[in-house]
């Protein structure tokens, strides 16, 4: 029978204890790393969701901007169309009702009015009043003495 040394057994036991202790520490470190990885996975998933939501918001904003631009363009078109119609109406109103030519600030077709308030080019109404003694619009009695000059500002 071989004789074992008394210190060998306790040395083996100590080595086993240290080995178990190291294994436990490594297991704890591994569990901590697993927890950290799990947190990172959740964080990455959250970031992916946020990016998707951000992309959706950007897409909706772009669609809204496109709608607003379309509405602006339509409004601009309608406004221009209405403005053109108003300008044409004003241009028609700013014409002599006898010859349909625009009035002038001076010269032979300067703006004049009769006592009834209707407006004409001076040469046109004077010619008319030589042939007739009534306003060509309302038929109120008028003559050459009723012609009044209207001052126009021809500076833009």
C-alpha atoms as a PDB file:
ATOM      1  CA  UNK A   1       0.000   0.000   0.000  1.00  0.00           C
ATOM      2  CA  UNK A   2       1.309   3.332  -0.979  1.00  0.00           C
ATOM      3  CA  UNK A   3       1.290   6.047   1.458  1.00  0.00           C
ATOM      4  CA  UNK A   4      -0.297   9.312   0.461  1.00  0.00           C
ATOM      5  CA  UNK A   5       0.871  12.483   1.776  1.00  0.00           C
ATOM      6  CA  UNK A   6      -1.483  14.276   3.979  1.00  0.00           C
ATOM      7  CA  UNK A   7      -1.033  17.651   2.188  1.00  0.00           C
ATOM      8  CA  UNK A   8      -1.840  16.251  -1.243  1.00  0.00           C
ATOM      9  CA  UNK A   9      -5.464  15.704  -0.469  1.00  0.00           C
ATOM     10  CA  UNK A  10      -5.967  19.172   0.885  1.00  0.00           C
ATOM     11  CA  UNK A  11      -4.079  20.592  -2.109  1.00  0.00           C
ATOM     12  CA  UNK A  12      -6.394  18.766  -4.498  1.00  0.00           C
ATOM     13  CA  UNK A  13      -9.314  19.967  -2.519  1.00  0.00           C
ATOM     14  CA  UNK A  14      -8.072  23.544  -2.655  1.00  0.00           C
ATOM     15  CA  UNK A  15      -7.498  23.278  -6.382  1.00  0.00           C
ATOM     16  CA  UNK A  16     -11.007  21.916  -6.875  1.00  0.00           C
ATOM     17  CA  UNK A  17     -12.431  24.729  -4.767  1.00  0.00           C
ATOM     18  CA  UNK A  18     -10.522  27.345  -6.778  1.00  0.00           C
ATOM     19  CA  UNK A  19     -11.639  25.739 -10.005  1.00  0.00           C
ATOM     20  CA  UNK A  20     -15.271  25.756  -8.877  1.00  0.00           C
ATOM     21  CA  UNK A  21     -14.888  29.359  -7.768  1.00  0.00           C
ATOM     22  CA  UNK A  22     -13.427  30.380 -11.151  1.00  0.00           C
ATOM     23  CA  UNK A  23     -16.176  28.521 -12.979  1.00  0.00           C
ATOM     24  CA  UNK A  24     -18.816  30.300 -10.909  1.00  0.00           C
ATOM     25  CA  UNK A  25     -17.199  33.678 -11.601  1.00  0.00           C
ATOM     26  CA  UNK A  26     -17.036  32.932 -15.349  1.00  0.00           C
ATOM     27  CA  UNK A  27     -20.673  31.849 -15.292  1.00  0.00           C
ATOM     28  CA  UNK A  28     -21.654  35.118 -13.556  1.00  0.00           C
ATOM     29  CA  UNK A  29     -19.608  37.140 -16.048  1.00  0.00           C
ATOM     30  CA  UNK A  30     -21.261  35.213 -18.906  1.00  0.00           C
ATOM     31  CA  UNK A  31     -24.727  35.897 -17.460  1.00  0.00           C
ATOM     32  CA  UNK A  32     -23.901  39.610 -17.127  1.00  0.00           C
ATOM     33  CA  UNK A  33     -22.716  39.692 -20.740  1.00  0.00           C
ATOM     34  CA  UNK A  34     -25.885  37.871 -21.833  1.00  0.00           C
ATOM     35  CA  UNK A  35     -27.984  40.497 -20.020  1.00  0.00           C
ATOM     36  CA  UNK A  36     -26.015  43.314 -21.650  1.00  0.00           C
ATOM     37  CA  UNK A  37     -26.451  41.713 -25.084  1.00  0.00           C
ATOM     38  CA  UNK A  38     -30.181  41.330 -24.463  1.00  0.00           C
ATOM     39  CA  UNK A  39     -30.394  45.037 -23.550  1.00  0.00           C
ATOM     40  CA  UNK A  40     -28.464  45.946 -26.702  1.00  0.00           C
ATOM     41  CA  UNK A  41     -30.829  43.822 -28.819  1.00  0.00           C
ATOM     42  CA  UNK A  42     -33.808  45.623 -27.307  1.00  0.00           C
ATOM     43  CA  UNK A  43     -32.120  48.977 -27.911  1.00  0.00           C
ATOM     44  CA  UNK A  44     -31.394  48.077 -31.533  1.00  0.00           C
ATOM     45  CA  UNK A  45     -34.999  46.911 -32.035  1.00  0.00           C
ATOM     46  CA  UNK A  46     -36.246  50.165 -30.483  1.00  0.00           C
ATOM     47  CA  UNK A  47     -33.958  52.154 -32.792  1.00  0.00           C
ATOM     48  CA  UNK A  48     -35.234  50.227 -35.807  1.00  0.00           C
ATOM     49  CA  UNK A  49     -38.825  51.013 -34.776  1.00  0.00           C
ATOM     50  CA  UNK A  50     -37.946  54.675 -34.292  1.00  0.00           C
ATOM     51  CA  UNK A  51     -36.338  54.790 -37.748  1.00  0.00           C
ATOM     52  CA  UNK A  52     -39.475  53.246 -39.272  1.00  0.00           C
ATOM     53  CA  UNK A  53     -41.674  55.760 -37.466  1.00  0.00           C
ATOM     54  CA  UNK A  54     -39.378  58.580 -38.544  1.00  0.00           C
ATOM     55  CA  UNK A  55     -39.558  57.403 -42.171  1.00  0.00           C
ATOM     56  CA  UNK A  56     -43.367  57.279 -41.937  1.00  0.00           C
ATOM     57  CA  UNK A  57     -43.485  60.810 -40.531  1.00  0.00           C
ATOM     58  CA  UNK A  58     -41.157  62.108 -43.249  1.00  0.00           C
ATOM     59  CA  UNK A  59     -43.272  60.434 -45.929  1.00  0.00           C
ATOM     60  CA  UNK A  60     -46.471  61.953 -44.512  1.00  0.00           C
ATOM     61  CA  UNK A  61     -44.833  65.382 -44.309  1.00  0.00           C
ATOM     62  CA  UNK A  62     -43.683  65.130 -47.936  1.00  0.00           C
ATOM     63  CA  UNK A  63     -47.206  64.126 -49.002  1.00  0.00           C
ATOM     64  CA  UNK A  64     -48.662  67.054 -47.059  1.00  0.00           C
ATOM     65  CA  UNK A  65     -46.148  69.442 -48.630  1.00  0.00           C
ATOM     66  CA  UNK A  66     -47.070  68.138 -52.086  1.00  0.00           C
ATOM     67  CA  UNK A  67     -50.766  68.713 -51.318  1.00  0.00           C
ATOM     68  CA  UNK A  68     -50.045  72.235 -50.075  1.00  0.00           C
ATOM     69  CA  UNK A  69     -47.988  73.027 -53.180  1.00  0.00           C
ATOM     70  CA  UNK A  70     -50.798  71.748 -55.404  1.00  0.00           C
ATOM     71  CA  UNK A  71     -53.348  73.853 -53.513  1.00  0.00           C
ATOM     72  CA  UNK A  72     -51.053  76.887 -53.711  1.00  0.00           C
ATOM     73  CA  UNK A  73     -50.628  76.406 -57.459  1.00  0.00           C
ATOM     74  CA  UNK A  74     -54.388  76.013 -57.925  1.00  0.00           C
ATOM     75  CA  UNK A  75     -55.079  79.093 -55.807  1.00  0.00           C
ATOM     76  CA  UNK A  76     -52.429  81.051 -57.702  1.00  0.00           C
ATOM     77  CA  UNK A  77     -53.996  79.990 -61.021  1.00  0.00           C
ATOM     78  CA  UNK A  78     -57.505  80.926 -59.857  1.00  0.00           C
ATOM     79  CA  UNK A  79     -56.247  84.217 -58.425  1.00  0.00           C
ATOM     80  CA  UNK A  80     -54.470  85.073 -61.682  1.00  0.00           C
ATOM     81  CA  UNK A  81     -57.545  84.113 -63.655  1.00  0.00           C
ATOM     82  CA  UNK A  82     -59.807  86.260 -61.447  1.00  0.00           C
ATOM     83  CA  UNK A  83     -57.340  89.129 -61.565  1.00  0.00           C
ATOM     84  CA  UNK A  84     -57.210  88.937 -65.347  1.00  0.00           C
ATOM     85  CA  UNK A  85     -61.009  89.006 -65.513  1.00  0.00           C
ATOM     86  CA  UNK A  86     -61.156  92.006 -63.167  1.00  0.00           C
ATOM     87  CA  UNK A  87     -58.515  93.840 -65.162  1.00  0.00           C
ATOM     88  CA  UNK A  88     -60.410  93.164 -68.384  1.00  0.00           C
ATOM     89  CA  UNK A  89     -63.581  94.477 -66.748  1.00  0.00           C
ATOM     90  CA  UNK A  90     -61.780  97.603 -65.543  1.00  0.00           C
ATOM     91  CA  UNK A  91     -60.274  98.070 -68.989  1.00  0.00           C
ATOM     92  CA  UNK A  92     -63.755  97.852 -70.527  1.00  0.00           C
ATOM     93  CA  UNK A  93     -65.094 100.316 -67.967  1.00  0.00           C
ATOM     94  CA  UNK A  94     -62.212 102.682 -68.703  1.00  0.00           C
ATOM     95  CA  UNK A  95     -63.175 103.040 -72.316  1.00  0.00           C
ATOM     96  CA  UNK A  96     -65.298 105.556 -74.035  1.00  0.00           C
ATOM     97  CA  UNK A  97     -68.776 104.083 -74.421  1.00  0.00           C
ATOM     98  CA  UNK A  98     -69.130 105.739 -77.821  1.00  0.00           C
ATOM     99  CA  UNK A  99     -65.938 104.600 -79.628  1.00  0.00           C
ATOM    100  CA  UNK A 100     -64.768 101.916 -77.121  1.00  0.00           C
ATOM    101  CA  UNK A 101     -61.228 103.318 -77.096  1.00  0.00           C
ATOM    102  CA  UNK A 102     -59.358 103.890 -73.826  1.00  0.00           C
ATOM    103  CA  UNK A 103     -59.393 107.420 -72.452  1.00  0.00           C
ATOM    104  CA  UNK A 104     -56.325 109.593 -72.494  1.00  0.00           C
ATOM    105  CA  UNK A 105     -55.034 111.998 -69.874  1.00  0.00           C
ATOM    106  CA  UNK A 106     -54.696 114.697 -72.529  1.00  0.00           C
ATOM    107  CA  UNK A 107     -55.223 115.340 -76.244  1.00  0.00           C
ATOM    108  CA  UNK A 108     -58.458 114.933 -78.155  1.00  0.00           C
ATOM    109  CA  UNK A 109     -59.682 111.807 -76.338  1.00  0.00           C
ATOM    110  CA  UNK A 110     -59.231 113.071 -72.787  1.00  0.00           C
ATOM    111  CA  UNK A 111     -61.751 111.981 -70.183  1.00  0.00           C
ATOM    112  CA  UNK A 112     -64.816 114.156 -69.689  1.00  0.00           C
ATOM    113  CA  UNK A 113     -68.161 113.743 -67.963  1.00  0.00           C
ATOM    114  CA  UNK A 114     -71.649 115.091 -68.418  1.00  0.00           C
ATOM    115  CA  UNK A 115     -73.758 116.465 -65.545  1.00  0.00           C
ATOM    116  CA  UNK A 116     -75.424 113.038 -65.307  1.00  0.00           C
ATOM    117  CA  UNK A 117     -72.022 111.564 -64.384  1.00  0.00           C
ATOM    118  CA  UNK A 118     -71.388 109.372 -67.430  1.00  0.00           C
ATOM    119  CA  UNK A 119     -67.857 109.404 -68.833  1.00  0.00           C
ATOM    120  CA  UNK A 120     -66.723 109.738 -72.459  1.00  0.00           C
ATOM    121  CA  UNK A 121     -63.817 110.747 -74.624  1.00  0.00           C
ATOM    122  CA  UNK A 122     -64.068 114.530 -75.218  1.00  0.00           C
ATOM    123  CA  UNK A 123     -64.110 114.467 -79.030  1.00  0.00           C
ATOM    124  CA  UNK A 124     -66.679 111.653 -79.076  1.00  0.00           C
ATOM    125  CA  UNK A 125     -69.205 113.329 -76.751  1.00  0.00           C
ATOM    126  CA  UNK A 126     -68.803 116.764 -78.353  1.00  0.00           C
ATOM    127  CA  UNK A 127     -69.444 115.190 -81.780  1.00  0.00           C
ATOM    128  CA  UNK A 128     -72.452 113.331 -80.378  1.00  0.00           C
ATOM    129  CA  UNK A 129     -73.886 116.450 -78.737  1.00  0.00           C
ATOM    130  CA  UNK A 130     -73.727 118.271 -82.096  1.00  0.00           C
ATOM    131  CA  UNK A 131     -76.093 115.622 -83.438  1.00  0.00           C
ATOM    132  CA  UNK A 132     -78.212 115.014 -80.348  1.00  0.00           C
ATOM    133  CA  UNK A 133     -78.954 116.889 -77.106  1.00  0.00           C
ATOM    134  CA  UNK A 134     -79.115 113.849 -74.796  1.00  0.00           C
ATOM    135  CA  UNK A 135     -76.609 111.638 -72.988  1.00  0.00           C
ATOM    136  CA  UNK A 136     -76.041 108.523 -75.122  1.00  0.00           C
ATOM    137  CA  UNK A 137     -76.324 106.304 -72.021  1.00  0.00           C
ATOM    138  CA  UNK A 138     -79.184 107.610 -69.855  1.00  0.00           C
ATOM    139  CA  UNK A 139     -80.875 109.985 -72.352  1.00  0.00           C
ATOM    140  CA  UNK A 140     -80.779 112.932 -69.929  1.00  0.00           C
ATOM    141  CA  UNK A 141     -80.814 116.267 -71.720  1.00  0.00           C
ATOM    142  CA  UNK A 142     -77.289 117.630 -72.254  1.00  0.00           C
ATOM    143  CA  UNK A 143     -75.354 120.081 -74.421  1.00  0.00           C
ATOM    144  CA  UNK A 144     -71.759 121.202 -74.946  1.00  0.00           C
ATOM    145  CA  UNK A 145     -71.850 123.399 -71.807  1.00  0.00           C
ATOM    146  CA  UNK A 146     -72.428 120.285 -69.651  1.00  0.00           C
ATOM    147  CA  UNK A 147     -69.079 118.730 -70.638  1.00  0.00           C
ATOM    148  CA  UNK A 148     -66.667 118.738 -67.675  1.00  0.00           C
ATOM    149  CA  UNK A 149     -63.018 117.667 -67.866  1.00  0.00           C
ATOM    150  CA  UNK A 150     -61.921 114.901 -65.490  1.00  0.00           C
ATOM    151  CA  UNK A 151     -58.329 114.997 -64.323  1.00  0.00           C
ATOM    152  CA  UNK A 152     -56.364 111.767 -64.809  1.00  0.00           C
ATOM    153  CA  UNK A 153     -52.977 111.032 -63.369  1.00  0.00           C
ATOM    154  CA  UNK A 154     -51.016 109.569 -66.273  1.00  0.00           C
ATOM    155  CA  UNK A 155     -47.955 108.844 -64.088  1.00  0.00           C
ATOM    156  CA  UNK A 156     -47.711 105.160 -63.094  1.00  0.00           C
END
